[in-house]
Amino acid sequence: MAALAGVAQSTVSYVMSGNRPISQKTRDKVEKAMRELGYVPDAHARAMISNRSHIIGLLTETTGTTQGAELFPSCGPSAPPRRNTATTSS
């Protein structure tokens, strides 16, 4: 991406993170290179580097009579029985 935009790798990093002021002209070149390369930020990579996943985990036992089971269709009465179910969403 840096080579295509004609900038340093650190400049690409600064554009993506927003941690340093970058001229609009340079920002536009980097963003154009990102679009041309089809770059999509990876949520897992960002979570690792920031040490924050913004993911909520839920561990619960559900049965056909569990109040609220209808809120979790993959864990409801029509789902195959499981002893431990972990569901995550980002």
Protein backbone atom coordinates (compact mmCIF):
# COMPACT_ATOMS: atom_id res chain seq x y z
CA MET A 1 0.00 0.00 0.00
CA ALA A 2 2.83 2.38 0.89
CA ALA A 3 4.62 1.73 -2.41
CA LEU A 4 1.46 2.30 -4.44
CA ALA A 5 0.75 5.56 -2.59
CA GLY A 6 4.39 6.63 -2.78
CA VAL A 7 4.72 7.13 0.97
CA ALA A 8 6.49 5.46 3.89
CA GLN A 9 4.91 2.54 5.73
CA SER A 10 4.74 4.67 8.85
CA THR A 11 2.67 7.24 6.95
CA VAL A 12 0.15 4.55 6.03
CA SER A 13 0.01 3.56 9.68
CA TYR A 14 -0.56 7.16 10.76
CA VAL A 15 -3.35 7.60 8.23
CA MET A 16 -5.06 4.42 9.42
CA SER A 17 -4.67 5.08 13.14
CA GLY A 18 -5.26 8.83 13.09
CA ASN A 19 -2.49 9.23 15.69
CA ARG A 20 -0.58 11.93 13.80
CA PRO A 21 -1.59 14.85 11.62
CA ILE A 22 -1.26 13.99 7.92
CA SER A 23 -1.89 16.41 5.06
CA GLN A 24 -5.13 15.89 3.17
CA LYS A 25 -3.17 15.30 -0.06
CA THR A 26 -1.17 12.46 1.51
CA ARG A 27 -4.27 11.03 3.21
CA ASP A 28 -6.06 11.01 -0.16
CA LYS A 29 -3.16 9.15 -1.83
CA VAL A 30 -3.11 6.49 0.89
CA GLU A 31 -6.90 6.07 0.87
CA LYS A 32 -6.86 5.77 -2.94
CA ALA A 33 -4.22 3.01 -2.69
CA MET A 34 -6.35 1.26 -0.06
CA ARG A 35 -9.36 1.30 -2.38
CA GLU A 36 -7.32 0.11 -5.39
CA LEU A 37 -5.92 -2.79 -3.40
CA GLY A 38 -9.30 -3.66 -1.91
CA TYR A 39 -8.00 -3.20 1.63
CA VAL A 40 -10.48 -3.91 4.41
CA PRO A 41 -9.39 -3.40 8.04
CA ASP A 42 -9.18 -6.67 9.97
CA ALA A 43 -11.12 -6.54 13.25
CA HIS A 44 -9.02 -9.30 14.81
CA ALA A 45 -5.74 -7.55 14.01
CA ARG A 46 -7.05 -4.29 15.46
CA ALA A 47 -8.20 -6.08 18.59
CA MET A 48 -4.77 -7.64 19.07
CA ILE A 49 -2.88 -4.38 18.65
CA SER A 50 -5.26 -2.29 20.75
CA ASN A 51 -5.87 -5.01 23.36
CA ARG A 52 -9.61 -4.29 23.03
CA SER A 53 -11.91 -6.55 21.07
CA HIS A 54 -15.26 -4.80 21.63
CA ILE A 55 -16.76 -8.30 21.69
CA ILE A 56 -19.20 -9.41 24.33
CA GLY A 57 -19.17 -13.08 25.25
CA LEU A 58 -22.09 -14.96 26.68
CA LEU A 59 -21.86 -18.32 28.37
CA THR A 60 -25.16 -19.75 29.49
CA GLU A 61 -27.13 -22.95 29.80
CA THR A 62 -30.31 -22.97 27.77
CA THR A 63 -33.20 -25.38 27.66
CA GLY A 64 -36.63 -25.28 26.13
CA THR A 65 -37.98 -23.80 29.33
CA THR A 66 -35.20 -21.29 29.92
CA GLN A 67 -36.70 -17.84 30.11
CA GLY A 68 -35.28 -15.74 27.26
CA ALA A 69 -34.07 -18.72 25.20
CA GLU A 70 -35.97 -17.32 22.22
CA LEU A 71 -33.48 -14.44 22.14
CA PHE A 72 -30.73 -16.88 21.11
CA PRO A 73 -32.16 -19.01 18.28
CA SER A 74 -28.94 -21.00 17.87
CA CYS A 75 -29.28 -22.06 21.52
CA GLY A 76 -33.05 -22.55 21.66
CA PRO A 77 -35.15 -25.71 21.86
CA SER A 78 -34.83 -26.53 18.13
CA ALA A 79 -31.02 -26.44 18.28
CA PRO A 80 -29.09 -29.65 18.95
CA PRO A 81 -28.30 -30.06 22.65
CA ARG A 82 -24.93 -28.74 23.80
CA ARG A 83 -23.29 -28.81 27.18
CA ASN A 84 -21.39 -25.53 26.83
CA THR A 85 -22.28 -22.88 24.27
CA ALA A 86 -20.14 -19.83 23.65
CA THR A 87 -21.51 -17.15 21.38
CA THR A 88 -19.57 -14.10 20.25
CA SER A 89 -20.47 -11.22 18.01
CA SER A 90 -18.53 -8.23 16.77
